[in-house]
Amino acid sequence: MKYSYPMPDTANPDNTMTVINRWPVLERLHQYALLIRLDRPIGTYLVLWPMLWALWIASAGLPDPKVLIIFIAGSFLMRSAGCAINDFADREIDPHVERTRSRPLAARNIRAVEAIAIFVVLALIAFALVLATNALTVKLAIAGVILAGTYPFLKRWTNLPQYYLGIAFAWGTPMAFAAQTGEVPGIAWLLFSCVVLWTAAFDTIYAMVDRADDEVIGVKSTAILFGGADRVVIGVMQILALVGLWTVGELSGLGAWFRAGVIGAALSAVFQQYLIAGRSPERCFRAFLNNNSFGALVFAGIALDYLYQSSRIVSGS
């Protein structure tokens, strides 16, 4: 099969798909970068925030620098690997969805075997990093790779793939506790549950962007399953996630700064409800992106609270 590449668009100097035929290797690397969404880091942020929540709580605000670096790098690698395997799974679907038809596999700019190879390489690098932690974290990492590799295929079999994605995204939570403390206490699983709910909520919003196309193609999602009750169910999941986070804070001895962060995240969720009220794909996508603020606000509350507690100890007050 012959794979063609887009030619330069002289009318659009900002066109990132510009191809210089004399440099095919560079163009290949460019296509790989698009495959792993290097130009769209939102997914990495949404994987990273819960890991940071967990690391800061597990370490009482002082995470092991080595563990922190491993988890930051791992978030990027596993999100990138997930994009590659997702596009492989959806290579016959994406050409029929307006938002995804220009992706490298959908546009036939790379081959399916290349996407598989990238998934394997990135997952192996991430797993190699985890080997520098402890046995429990390594065991959890094996399950994490399985979750990341199987999620994209579920949308053909169940209307609940968003919850499976939630488990995959949240799996870094028990891993972070295991890497930092050598165990996974009950509070880690409570935080895990919060992340599952939060992820299912924002991925349902994301699925609302493609709902019209998915209904025609036959792809399953919670956005289709919930139908007209989508906003209500999303709201319930957001509330449960926020209540769970508040409870995690109480059990962890976090105070006013943390509560302020959770309240800020709650306001973010309210804003998302406002954006998706009309179910416009463009506004639903904006609401999805807003979850970066949700995650950042919760982390800011955790980090600032531990800093405040440390400063009080130092000052002796």
C-alpha atoms as a PDB file:
ATOM      1  CA  MET A   1       0.000   0.000   0.000  1.00  0.00           C
ATOM      2  CA  LYS A   2       1.301   3.443  -0.892  1.00  0.00           C
ATOM      3  CA  TYR A   3       1.117   6.131   1.766  1.00  0.00           C
ATOM      4  CA  SER A   4       0.900   9.700   0.546  1.00  0.00           C
ATOM      5  CA  TYR A   5       1.784  12.819   2.478  1.00  0.00           C
ATOM      6  CA  PRO A   6       0.113  16.245   2.357  1.00  0.00           C
ATOM      7  CA  MET A   7       1.947  18.799   0.248  1.00  0.00           C
ATOM      8  CA  PRO A   8       2.870  22.240   1.574  1.00  0.00           C
ATOM      9  CA  ASP A   9      -0.018  24.647   1.931  1.00  0.00           C
ATOM     10  CA  THR A  10       1.309  27.978   0.729  1.00  0.00           C
ATOM     11  CA  ALA A  11      -1.942  29.671   1.704  1.00  0.00           C
ATOM     12  CA  ASN A  12      -1.469  28.588   5.297  1.00  0.00           C
ATOM     13  CA  PRO A  13       2.063  29.256   6.546  1.00  0.00           C
ATOM     14  CA  ASP A  14       1.164  27.828   9.963  1.00  0.00           C
ATOM     15  CA  ASN A  15       0.200  24.453   8.525  1.00  0.00           C
ATOM     16  CA  THR A  16       1.983  21.892  10.726  1.00  0.00           C
ATOM     17  CA  MET A  17       1.460  19.177   8.095  1.00  0.00           C
ATOM     18  CA  THR A  18       3.895  20.820   5.675  1.00  0.00           C
ATOM     19  CA  VAL A  19       6.104  18.161   4.108  1.00  0.00           C
ATOM     20  CA  ILE A  20       9.593  18.528   2.746  1.00  0.00           C
ATOM     21  CA  ASN A  21      10.042  15.532   0.475  1.00  0.00           C
ATOM     22  CA  ARG A  22      13.807  15.709   0.783  1.00  0.00           C
ATOM     23  CA  TRP A  23      13.553  14.853   4.493  1.00  0.00           C
ATOM     24  CA  PRO A  24      11.316  11.726   4.717  1.00  0.00           C
ATOM     25  CA  VAL A  25      12.791  10.696   8.086  1.00  0.00           C
ATOM     26  CA  LEU A  26      11.848  14.009   9.640  1.00  0.00           C
ATOM     27  CA  GLU A  27       8.346  13.709   8.224  1.00  0.00           C
ATOM     28  CA  ARG A  28       8.064  10.196   9.667  1.00  0.00           C
ATOM     29  CA  LEU A  29       9.061  11.497  13.081  1.00  0.00           C
ATOM     30  CA  HIS A  30       6.523  14.280  12.667  1.00  0.00           C
ATOM     31  CA  GLN A  31       3.794  11.711  12.014  1.00  0.00           C
ATOM     32  CA  TYR A  32       4.860   9.732  15.085  1.00  0.00           C
ATOM     33  CA  ALA A  33       4.697  12.922  17.162  1.00  0.00           C
ATOM     34  CA  LEU A  34       1.145  13.490  15.926  1.00  0.00           C
ATOM     35  CA  LEU A  35       0.282   9.860  16.700  1.00  0.00           C
ATOM     36  CA  ILE A  36       1.245  10.244  20.361  1.00  0.00           C
ATOM     37  CA  ARG A  37      -0.435  13.705  20.511  1.00  0.00           C
ATOM     38  CA  LEU A  38       2.808  15.505  21.288  1.00  0.00           C
ATOM     39  CA  ASP A  39       1.036  18.665  20.141  1.00  0.00           C
ATOM     40  CA  ARG A  40      -1.885  18.026  22.534  1.00  0.00           C
ATOM     41  CA  PRO A  41      -0.549  17.448  26.049  1.00  0.00           C
ATOM     42  CA  ILE A  42      -3.940  17.614  27.803  1.00  0.00           C
ATOM     43  CA  GLY A  43      -4.058  13.822  28.149  1.00  0.00           C
ATOM     44  CA  THR A  44      -0.685  13.754  29.877  1.00  0.00           C
ATOM     45  CA  TYR A  45      -1.851  16.387  32.349  1.00  0.00           C
ATOM     46  CA  LEU A  46      -5.019  14.436  33.129  1.00  0.00           C
ATOM     47  CA  VAL A  47      -2.973  11.301  33.824  1.00  0.00           C
ATOM     48  CA  LEU A  48      -0.376  13.215  35.819  1.00  0.00           C
ATOM     49  CA  TRP A  49      -2.575  15.190  38.236  1.00  0.00           C
ATOM     50  CA  PRO A  50      -3.973  12.169  40.144  1.00  0.00           C
ATOM     51  CA  MET A  51      -0.471  10.704  40.404  1.00  0.00           C
ATOM     52  CA  LEU A  52       0.747  13.953  41.937  1.00  0.00           C
ATOM     53  CA  TRP A  53      -2.225  14.026  44.327  1.00  0.00           C
ATOM     54  CA  ALA A  54      -1.314  10.509  45.456  1.00  0.00           C
ATOM     55  CA  LEU A  55       2.433  11.134  45.739  1.00  0.00           C
ATOM     56  CA  TRP A  56       1.980  14.272  47.836  1.00  0.00           C
ATOM     57  CA  ILE A  57      -0.516  12.619  50.181  1.00  0.00           C
ATOM     58  CA  ALA A  58       1.522   9.412  50.470  1.00  0.00           C
ATOM     59  CA  SER A  59       4.635  11.409  51.349  1.00  0.00           C
ATOM     60  CA  ALA A  60       2.942  14.141  53.448  1.00  0.00           C
ATOM     61  CA  GLY A  61       4.164  16.704  50.945  1.00  0.00           C
ATOM     62  CA  LEU A  62       7.733  15.462  50.527  1.00  0.00           C
ATOM     63  CA  PRO A  63       7.838  12.896  47.697  1.00  0.00           C
ATOM     64  CA  ASP A  64      11.033  11.026  46.909  1.00  0.00           C
ATOM     65  CA  PRO A  65      12.634  12.986  44.000  1.00  0.00           C
ATOM     66  CA  LYS A  66      13.487   9.760  42.148  1.00  0.00           C
ATOM     67  CA  VAL A  67       9.915   8.513  42.434  1.00  0.00           C
ATOM     68  CA  LEU A  68       8.565  11.900  41.357  1.00  0.00           C
ATOM     69  CA  ILE A  69      10.725  11.928  38.207  1.00  0.00           C
ATOM     70  CA  ILE A  70       9.728   8.341  37.371  1.00  0.00           C
ATOM     71  CA  PHE A  71       6.038   9.127  37.658  1.00  0.00           C
ATOM     72  CA  ILE A  72       6.222  12.347  35.652  1.00  0.00           C
ATOM     73  CA  ALA A  73       8.076  10.541  32.864  1.00  0.00           C
ATOM     74  CA  GLY A  74       5.764   7.549  33.161  1.00  0.00           C
ATOM     75  CA  SER A  75       2.680   9.734  32.773  1.00  0.00           C
ATOM     76  CA  PHE A  76       3.977  11.065  29.473  1.00  0.00           C
ATOM     77  CA  LEU A  77       5.122   7.666  28.208  1.00  0.00           C
ATOM     78  CA  MET A  78       1.966   5.746  29.086  1.00  0.00           C
ATOM     79  CA  ARG A  79      -0.350   8.451  27.794  1.00  0.00           C
ATOM     80  CA  SER A  80       1.638   8.459  24.538  1.00  0.00           C
ATOM     81  CA  ALA A  81       1.554   4.661  24.359  1.00  0.00           C
ATOM     82  CA  GLY A  82      -2.195   4.773  25.002  1.00  0.00           C
ATOM     83  CA  CYS A  83      -2.701   7.160  22.086  1.00  0.00           C
ATOM     84  CA  ALA A  84      -0.783   4.826  19.768  1.00  0.00           C
ATOM     85  CA  ILE A  85      -2.778   1.726  20.693  1.00  0.00           C
ATOM     86  CA  ASN A  86      -6.024   3.715  20.666  1.00  0.00           C
ATOM     87  CA  ASP A  87      -5.428   4.863  17.094  1.00  0.00           C
ATOM     88  CA  PHE A  88      -4.530   1.309  16.093  1.00  0.00           C
ATOM     89  CA  ALA A  89      -7.803   0.040  17.536  1.00  0.00           C
ATOM     90  CA  ASP A  90      -9.760   2.857  15.860  1.00  0.00           C
ATOM     91  CA  ARG A  91      -7.944   2.868  12.511  1.00  0.00           C
ATOM     92  CA  GLU A  92     -11.112   1.897  10.626  1.00  0.00           C
ATOM     93  CA  ILE A  93     -13.359   4.168  12.710  1.00  0.00           C
ATOM     94  CA  ASP A  94     -11.393   7.421  12.844  1.00  0.00           C
ATOM     95  CA  PRO A  95     -11.670   8.155   9.081  1.00  0.00           C
ATOM     96  CA  HIS A  96     -15.457   8.451   9.557  1.00  0.00           C
ATOM     97  CA  VAL A  97     -15.285  10.883  12.494  1.00  0.00           C
ATOM     98  CA  GLU A  98     -14.714  14.535  11.634  1.00  0.00           C
ATOM     99  CA  ARG A  99     -12.508  15.246  14.646  1.00  0.00           C
ATOM    100  CA  THR A 100     -10.199  12.261  14.083  1.00  0.00           C
ATOM    101  CA  ARG A 101     -10.009  11.724  10.337  1.00  0.00           C
ATOM    102  CA  SER A 102      -6.713  13.624  10.031  1.00  0.00           C
ATOM    103  CA  ARG A 103      -4.879  11.456  12.563  1.00  0.00           C
ATOM    104  CA  PRO A 104      -1.828   9.710  11.034  1.00  0.00           C
ATOM    105  CA  LEU A 105      -3.337   6.212  10.940  1.00  0.00           C
ATOM    106  CA  ALA A 106      -6.750   7.417   9.802  1.00  0.00           C
ATOM    107  CA  ALA A 107      -5.136   9.466   7.031  1.00  0.00           C
ATOM    108  CA  ARG A 108      -2.952   6.464   6.114  1.00  0.00           C
ATOM    109  CA  ASN A 109       0.222   8.446   6.691  1.00  0.00           C
ATOM    110  CA  ILE A 110       1.693   5.628   8.782  1.00  0.00           C
ATOM    111  CA  ARG A 111       1.047   1.891   8.940  1.00  0.00           C
ATOM    112  CA  ALA A 112      -0.729  -0.039  11.681  1.00  0.00           C
ATOM    113  CA  VAL A 113       2.427  -1.986  12.509  1.00  0.00           C
ATOM    114  CA  GLU A 114       4.225   1.279  13.254  1.00  0.00           C
ATOM    115  CA  ALA A 115       1.601   2.262  15.805  1.00  0.00           C
ATOM    116  CA  ILE A 116       1.918  -1.138  17.492  1.00  0.00           C
ATOM    117  CA  ALA A 117       5.705  -0.801  17.569  1.00  0.00           C
ATOM    118  CA  ILE A 118       5.490   2.653  19.148  1.00  0.00           C
ATOM    119  CA  PHE A 119       3.062   1.375  21.795  1.00  0.00           C
ATOM    120  CA  VAL A 120       5.385  -1.509  22.688  1.00  0.00           C
ATOM    121  CA  VAL A 121       8.528   0.643  22.799  1.00  0.00           C
ATOM    122  CA  LEU A 122       6.956   3.374  24.955  1.00  0.00           C
ATOM    123  CA  ALA A 123       5.325   0.855  27.320  1.00  0.00           C
ATOM    124  CA  LEU A 124       8.632  -0.987  27.728  1.00  0.00           C
ATOM    125  CA  ILE A 125      10.484   2.250  28.517  1.00  0.00           C
ATOM    126  CA  ALA A 126       7.839   3.164  31.106  1.00  0.00           C
ATOM    127  CA  PHE A 127       8.061  -0.314  32.610  1.00  0.00           C
ATOM    128  CA  ALA A 128      11.859  -0.084  32.742  1.00  0.00           C
ATOM    129  CA  LEU A 129      11.540   3.103  34.788  1.00  0.00           C
ATOM    130  CA  VAL A 130       9.249   1.356  37.267  1.00  0.00           C
ATOM    131  CA  LEU A 131      11.886  -1.342  37.789  1.00  0.00           C
ATOM    132  CA  ALA A 132      13.808   1.297  39.743  1.00  0.00           C
ATOM    133  CA  THR A 133      11.089   1.316  42.447  1.00  0.00           C
ATOM    134  CA  ASN A 134       9.950  -1.788  44.352  1.00  0.00           C
ATOM    135  CA  ALA A 135       8.348  -5.171  43.713  1.00  0.00           C
ATOM    136  CA  LEU A 136       4.804  -4.089  44.596  1.00  0.00           C
ATOM    137  CA  THR A 137       4.951  -1.134  42.212  1.00  0.00           C
ATOM    138  CA  VAL A 138       6.288  -3.392  39.451  1.00  0.00           C
ATOM    139  CA  LYS A 139       3.371  -5.811  39.924  1.00  0.00           C
ATOM    140  CA  LEU A 140       0.890  -2.947  39.772  1.00  0.00           C
ATOM    141  CA  ALA A 141       2.641  -1.594  36.674  1.00  0.00           C
ATOM    142  CA  ILE A 142       2.068  -4.872  34.827  1.00  0.00           C
ATOM    143  CA  ALA A 143      -1.663  -4.517  35.450  1.00  0.00           C
ATOM    144  CA  GLY A 144      -1.440  -0.875  34.341  1.00  0.00           C
ATOM    145  CA  VAL A 145       0.063  -1.801  30.974  1.00  0.00           C
ATOM    146  CA  ILE A 146      -2.702  -4.371  30.444  1.00  0.00           C
ATOM    147  CA  LEU A 147      -5.344  -1.750  31.237  1.00  0.00           C
ATOM    148  CA  ALA A 148      -3.809   0.774  28.837  1.00  0.00           C
ATOM    149  CA  GLY A 149      -3.497  -1.800  26.070  1.00  0.00           C
ATOM    150  CA  THR A 150      -7.030  -3.195  26.297  1.00  0.00           C
ATOM    151  CA  TYR A 151      -9.113  -0.068  26.909  1.00  0.00           C
ATOM    152  CA  PRO A 152      -9.388   1.083  23.260  1.00  0.00           C
ATOM    153  CA  PHE A 153     -11.107  -2.150  22.219  1.00  0.00           C
ATOM    154  CA  LEU A 154     -13.931  -1.956  24.769  1.00  0.00           C
ATOM    155  CA  LYS A 155     -15.997   0.617  22.884  1.00  0.00           C
ATOM    156  CA  ARG A 156     -17.031  -2.195  20.533  1.00  0.00           C
ATOM    157  CA  TRP A 157     -18.397  -4.377  23.319  1.00  0.00           C
ATOM    158  CA  THR A 158     -19.768  -2.169  26.078  1.00  0.00           C
ATOM    159  CA  ASN A 159     -21.437   1.185  26.572  1.00  0.00           C
ATOM    160  CA  LEU A 160     -19.205   1.787  29.597  1.00  0.00           C
ATOM    161  CA  PRO A 161     -15.670   2.211  28.189  1.00  0.00           C
ATOM    162  CA  GLN A 162     -15.341   5.524  30.058  1.00  0.00           C
ATOM    163  CA  TYR A 163     -15.332   3.685  33.386  1.00  0.00           C
ATOM    164  CA  TYR A 164     -12.651   1.297  32.168  1.00  0.00           C
ATOM    165  CA  LEU A 165     -10.616   4.309  31.087  1.00  0.00           C
ATOM    166  CA  GLY A 166     -11.196   5.706  34.567  1.00  0.00           C
ATOM    167  CA  ILE A 167      -9.624   2.605  36.076  1.00  0.00           C
ATOM    168  CA  ALA A 168      -6.679   2.883  33.662  1.00  0.00           C
ATOM    169  CA  PHE A 169      -6.135   6.578  34.464  1.00  0.00           C
ATOM    170  CA  ALA A 170      -6.570   5.997  38.203  1.00  0.00           C
ATOM    171  CA  TRP A 171      -4.184   3.054  38.338  1.00  0.00           C
ATOM    172  CA  GLY A 172      -1.304   5.429  38.921  1.00  0.00           C
ATOM    173  CA  THR A 173      -2.820   6.258  42.322  1.00  0.00           C
ATOM    174  CA  PRO A 174      -2.126   2.938  44.081  1.00  0.00           C
ATOM    175  CA  MET A 175       1.164   2.759  42.148  1.00  0.00           C
ATOM    176  CA  ALA A 176       2.227   6.115  43.586  1.00  0.00           C
ATOM    177  CA  PHE A 177       1.462   4.997  47.146  1.00  0.00           C
ATOM    178  CA  ALA A 178       3.279   1.716  46.547  1.00  0.00           C
ATOM    179  CA  ALA A 179       6.355   3.457  45.131  1.00  0.00           C
ATOM    180  CA  GLN A 180       6.474   6.033  47.915  1.00  0.00           C
ATOM    181  CA  THR A 181       5.576   3.899  50.945  1.00  0.00           C
ATOM    182  CA  GLY A 182       5.843   0.262  49.863  1.00  0.00           C
ATOM    183  CA  GLU A 183       2.139  -0.371  50.521  1.00  0.00           C
ATOM    184  CA  VAL A 184      -1.321   0.573  49.281  1.00  0.00           C
ATOM    185  CA  PRO A 185      -3.455   1.712  52.251  1.00  0.00           C
ATOM    186  CA  GLY A 186      -7.215   2.131  52.222  1.00  0.00           C
ATOM    187  CA  ILE A 187      -7.002   5.859  51.587  1.00  0.00           C
ATOM    188  CA  ALA A 188      -5.201   5.108  48.312  1.00  0.00           C
ATOM    189  CA  TRP A 189      -8.201   3.108  47.111  1.00  0.00           C
ATOM    190  CA  LEU A 190     -10.577   5.867  48.178  1.00  0.00           C
ATOM    191  CA  LEU A 191      -8.530   8.321  46.112  1.00  0.00           C
ATOM    192  CA  PHE A 192      -8.503   5.747  43.293  1.00  0.00           C
ATOM    193  CA  SER A 193     -12.321   5.691  43.334  1.00  0.00           C
ATOM    194  CA  CYS A 194     -12.433   9.495  43.141  1.00  0.00           C
ATOM    195  CA  VAL A 195     -10.178   9.466  40.085  1.00  0.00           C
ATOM    196  CA  VAL A 196     -12.286   6.784  38.381  1.00  0.00           C
ATOM    197  CA  LEU A 197     -15.409   8.932  38.814  1.00  0.00           C
ATOM    198  CA  TRP A 198     -13.670  12.135  37.729  1.00  0.00           C
ATOM    199  CA  THR A 199     -12.210  10.447  34.638  1.00  0.00           C
ATOM    200  CA  ALA A 200     -15.513   8.832  33.669  1.00  0.00           C
ATOM    201  CA  ALA A 201     -17.164  12.250  33.974  1.00  0.00           C
ATOM    202  CA  PHE A 202     -14.695  14.136  31.801  1.00  0.00           C
ATOM    203  CA  ASP A 203     -14.435  11.324  29.247  1.00  0.00           C
ATOM    204  CA  THR A 204     -18.223  11.266  28.945  1.00  0.00           C
ATOM    205  CA  ILE A 205     -18.008  14.991  28.164  1.00  0.00           C
ATOM    206  CA  TYR A 206     -15.310  14.142  25.617  1.00  0.00           C
ATOM    207  CA  ALA A 207     -17.553  11.446  24.104  1.00  0.00           C
ATOM    208  CA  MET A 208     -20.333  14.027  23.732  1.00  0.00           C
ATOM    209  CA  VAL A 209     -18.126  15.767  21.152  1.00  0.00           C
ATOM    210  CA  ASP A 210     -18.315  12.743  18.829  1.00  0.00           C
ATOM    211  CA  ARG A 211     -21.753  11.447  19.792  1.00  0.00           C
ATOM    212  CA  ALA A 212     -23.429  12.152  16.438  1.00  0.00           C
ATOM    213  CA  ASP A 213     -20.679  10.371  14.486  1.00  0.00           C
ATOM    214  CA  ASP A 214     -20.471   7.500  16.980  1.00  0.00           C
ATOM    215  CA  GLU A 215     -24.201   6.827  16.751  1.00  0.00           C
ATOM    216  CA  VAL A 216     -23.939   6.477  12.979  1.00  0.00           C
ATOM    217  CA  ILE A 217     -20.841   4.277  13.112  1.00  0.00           C
ATOM    218  CA  GLY A 218     -22.059   2.133  16.010  1.00  0.00           C
ATOM    219  CA  VAL A 219     -19.330   3.030  18.516  1.00  0.00           C
ATOM    220  CA  LYS A 220     -20.476   2.677  22.128  1.00  0.00           C
ATOM    221  CA  SER A 221     -19.986   5.245  24.902  1.00  0.00           C
ATOM    222  CA  THR A 222     -21.557   6.540  28.091  1.00  0.00           C
ATOM    223  CA  ALA A 223     -22.548   9.700  26.214  1.00  0.00           C
ATOM    224  CA  ILE A 224     -24.796   7.553  24.013  1.00  0.00           C
ATOM    225  CA  LEU A 225     -25.942   5.343  26.900  1.00  0.00           C
ATOM    226  CA  PHE A 226     -26.966   8.270  29.125  1.00  0.00           C
ATOM    227  CA  GLY A 227     -28.688  10.152  26.299  1.00  0.00           C
ATOM    228  CA  GLY A 228     -30.662  13.120  27.577  1.00  0.00           C
ATOM    229  CA  ALA A 229     -29.615  12.350  31.161  1.00  0.00           C
ATOM    230  CA  ASP A 230     -25.937  12.886  30.320  1.00  0.00           C
ATOM    231  CA  ARG A 231     -25.542  16.168  32.214  1.00  0.00           C
ATOM    232  CA  VAL A 232     -27.274  14.800  35.312  1.00  0.00           C
ATOM    233  CA  VAL A 233     -25.120  11.660  35.424  1.00  0.00           C
ATOM    234  CA  ILE A 234     -21.954  13.672  34.792  1.00  0.00           C
ATOM    235  CA  GLY A 235     -22.967  16.018  37.606  1.00  0.00           C
ATOM    236  CA  VAL A 236     -23.548  13.117  39.999  1.00  0.00           C
ATOM    237  CA  MET A 237     -20.124  11.663  39.177  1.00  0.00           C
ATOM    238  CA  GLN A 238     -18.473  15.037  39.690  1.00  0.00           C
ATOM    239  CA  ILE A 239     -20.195  15.518  43.047  1.00  0.00           C
ATOM    240  CA  LEU A 240     -19.225  12.037  44.235  1.00  0.00           C
ATOM    241  CA  ALA A 241     -15.617  12.628  43.148  1.00  0.00           C
ATOM    242  CA  LEU A 242     -15.504  15.952  45.003  1.00  0.00           C
ATOM    243  CA  VAL A 243     -17.059  14.497  48.163  1.00  0.00           C
ATOM    244  CA  GLY A 244     -14.542  11.664  47.998  1.00  0.00           C
ATOM    245  CA  LEU A 245     -11.653  14.104  47.597  1.00  0.00           C
ATOM    246  CA  TRP A 246     -12.898  16.140  50.551  1.00  0.00           C
ATOM    247  CA  THR A 247     -13.002  12.934  52.618  1.00  0.00           C
ATOM    248  CA  VAL A 248      -9.471  12.007  51.535  1.00  0.00           C
ATOM    249  CA  GLY A 249      -8.330  15.415  52.741  1.00  0.00           C
ATOM    250  CA  GLU A 250     -10.023  15.008  56.103  1.00  0.00           C
ATOM    251  CA  LEU A 251      -8.504  11.564  56.619  1.00  0.00           C
ATOM    252  CA  SER A 252      -5.077  12.884  55.603  1.00  0.00           C
ATOM    253  CA  GLY A 253      -5.171  15.808  58.014  1.00  0.00           C
ATOM    254  CA  LEU A 254      -5.326  18.430  55.268  1.00  0.00           C
ATOM    255  CA  GLY A 255      -6.861  21.784  56.107  1.00  0.00           C
ATOM    256  CA  ALA A 256      -8.030  25.100  54.694  1.00  0.00           C
ATOM    257  CA  TRP A 257      -5.707  25.277  51.685  1.00  0.00           C
ATOM    258  CA  PHE A 258      -6.829  21.850  50.522  1.00  0.00           C
ATOM    259  CA  ARG A 259     -10.480  22.690  51.042  1.00  0.00           C
ATOM    260  CA  ALA A 260      -9.988  25.852  48.977  1.00  0.00           C
ATOM    261  CA  GLY A 261      -8.518  23.740  46.183  1.00  0.00           C
ATOM    262  CA  VAL A 262     -11.479  21.352  46.220  1.00  0.00           C
ATOM    263  CA  ILE A 263     -13.919  24.281  46.231  1.00  0.00           C
ATOM    264  CA  GLY A 264     -12.053  25.705  43.234  1.00  0.00           C
ATOM    265  CA  ALA A 265     -12.368  22.320  41.501  1.00  0.00           C
ATOM    266  CA  ALA A 266     -16.100  22.317  42.297  1.00  0.00           C
ATOM    267  CA  LEU A 267     -16.457  25.722  40.626  1.00  0.00           C
ATOM    268  CA  SER A 268     -14.608  24.294  37.640  1.00  0.00           C
ATOM    269  CA  ALA A 269     -17.144  21.454  37.481  1.00  0.00           C
ATOM    270  CA  VAL A 270     -19.999  23.978  37.622  1.00  0.00           C
ATOM    271  CA  PHE A 271     -18.424  25.857  34.720  1.00  0.00           C
ATOM    272  CA  GLN A 272     -18.219  22.616  32.764  1.00  0.00           C
ATOM    273  CA  GLN A 273     -21.921  22.024  33.351  1.00  0.00           C
ATOM    274  CA  TYR A 274     -22.575  25.502  31.964  1.00  0.00           C
ATOM    275  CA  LEU A 275     -20.487  24.760  28.870  1.00  0.00           C
ATOM    276  CA  ILE A 276     -22.203  21.448  28.066  1.00  0.00           C
ATOM    277  CA  ALA A 277     -25.735  22.773  28.650  1.00  0.00           C
ATOM    278  CA  GLY A 278     -26.427  23.080  24.928  1.00  0.00           C
ATOM    279  CA  ARG A 279     -24.422  19.953  24.059  1.00  0.00           C
ATOM    280  CA  SER A 280     -22.516  21.823  21.356  1.00  0.00           C
ATOM    281  CA  PRO A 281     -19.462  19.750  20.322  1.00  0.00           C
ATOM    282  CA  GLU A 282     -17.208  22.806  20.480  1.00  0.00           C
ATOM    283  CA  ARG A 283     -18.354  23.782  23.992  1.00  0.00           C
ATOM    284  CA  CYS A 284     -18.219  20.159  25.172  1.00  0.00           C
ATOM    285  CA  PHE A 285     -14.603  20.047  24.042  1.00  0.00           C
ATOM    286  CA  ARG A 286     -13.899  23.251  25.979  1.00  0.00           C
ATOM    287  CA  ALA A 287     -15.489  21.651  29.038  1.00  0.00           C
ATOM    288  CA  PHE A 288     -13.282  18.597  28.624  1.00  0.00           C
ATOM    289  CA  LEU A 289     -10.149  20.761  28.433  1.00  0.00           C
ATOM    290  CA  ASN A 290     -11.258  22.605  31.572  1.00  0.00           C
ATOM    291  CA  ASN A 291     -10.555  19.463  33.584  1.00  0.00           C
ATOM    292  CA  ASN A 292      -6.894  20.421  33.505  1.00  0.00           C
ATOM    293  CA  SER A 293      -7.874  23.292  35.793  1.00  0.00           C
ATOM    294  CA  PHE A 294      -9.838  20.892  38.004  1.00  0.00           C
ATOM    295  CA  GLY A 295      -6.810  18.667  38.480  1.00  0.00           C
ATOM    296  CA  ALA A 296      -4.416  21.572  38.968  1.00  0.00           C
ATOM    297  CA  LEU A 297      -6.621  23.199  41.610  1.00  0.00           C
ATOM    298  CA  VAL A 298      -6.838  20.015  43.665  1.00  0.00           C
ATOM    299  CA  PHE A 299      -3.072  19.557  43.465  1.00  0.00           C
ATOM    300  CA  ALA A 300      -2.427  23.194  44.373  1.00  0.00           C
ATOM    301  CA  GLY A 301      -4.617  22.763  47.451  1.00  0.00           C
ATOM    302  CA  ILE A 302      -2.732  19.634  48.530  1.00  0.00           C
ATOM    303  CA  ALA A 303       0.730  21.090  47.915  1.00  0.00           C
ATOM    304  CA  LEU A 304      -0.011  24.448  49.565  1.00  0.00           C
ATOM    305  CA  ASP A 305      -1.548  22.780  52.604  1.00  0.00           C
ATOM    306  CA  TYR A 306       1.526  20.652  53.199  1.00  0.00           C
ATOM    307  CA  LEU A 307       3.757  23.707  52.688  1.00  0.00           C
ATOM    308  CA  TYR A 308       1.695  25.606  55.239  1.00  0.00           C
ATOM    309  CA  GLN A 309       1.912  22.739  57.714  1.00  0.00           C
ATOM    310  CA  SER A 310       5.697  22.557  57.223  1.00  0.00           C
ATOM    311  CA  SER A 311       6.105  26.281  57.737  1.00  0.00           C
ATOM    312  CA  ARG A 312       4.161  26.119  60.998  1.00  0.00           C
ATOM    313  CA  ILE A 313       6.388  23.297  62.233  1.00  0.00           C
ATOM    314  CA  VAL A 314       9.527  25.258  61.343  1.00  0.00           C
ATOM    315  CA  SER A 315       8.250  28.421  63.032  1.00  0.00           C
ATOM    316  CA  GLY A 316       7.179  26.409  66.069  1.00  0.00           C
ATOM    317  CA  SER A 317       3.608  27.690  66.005  1.00  0.00           C
END
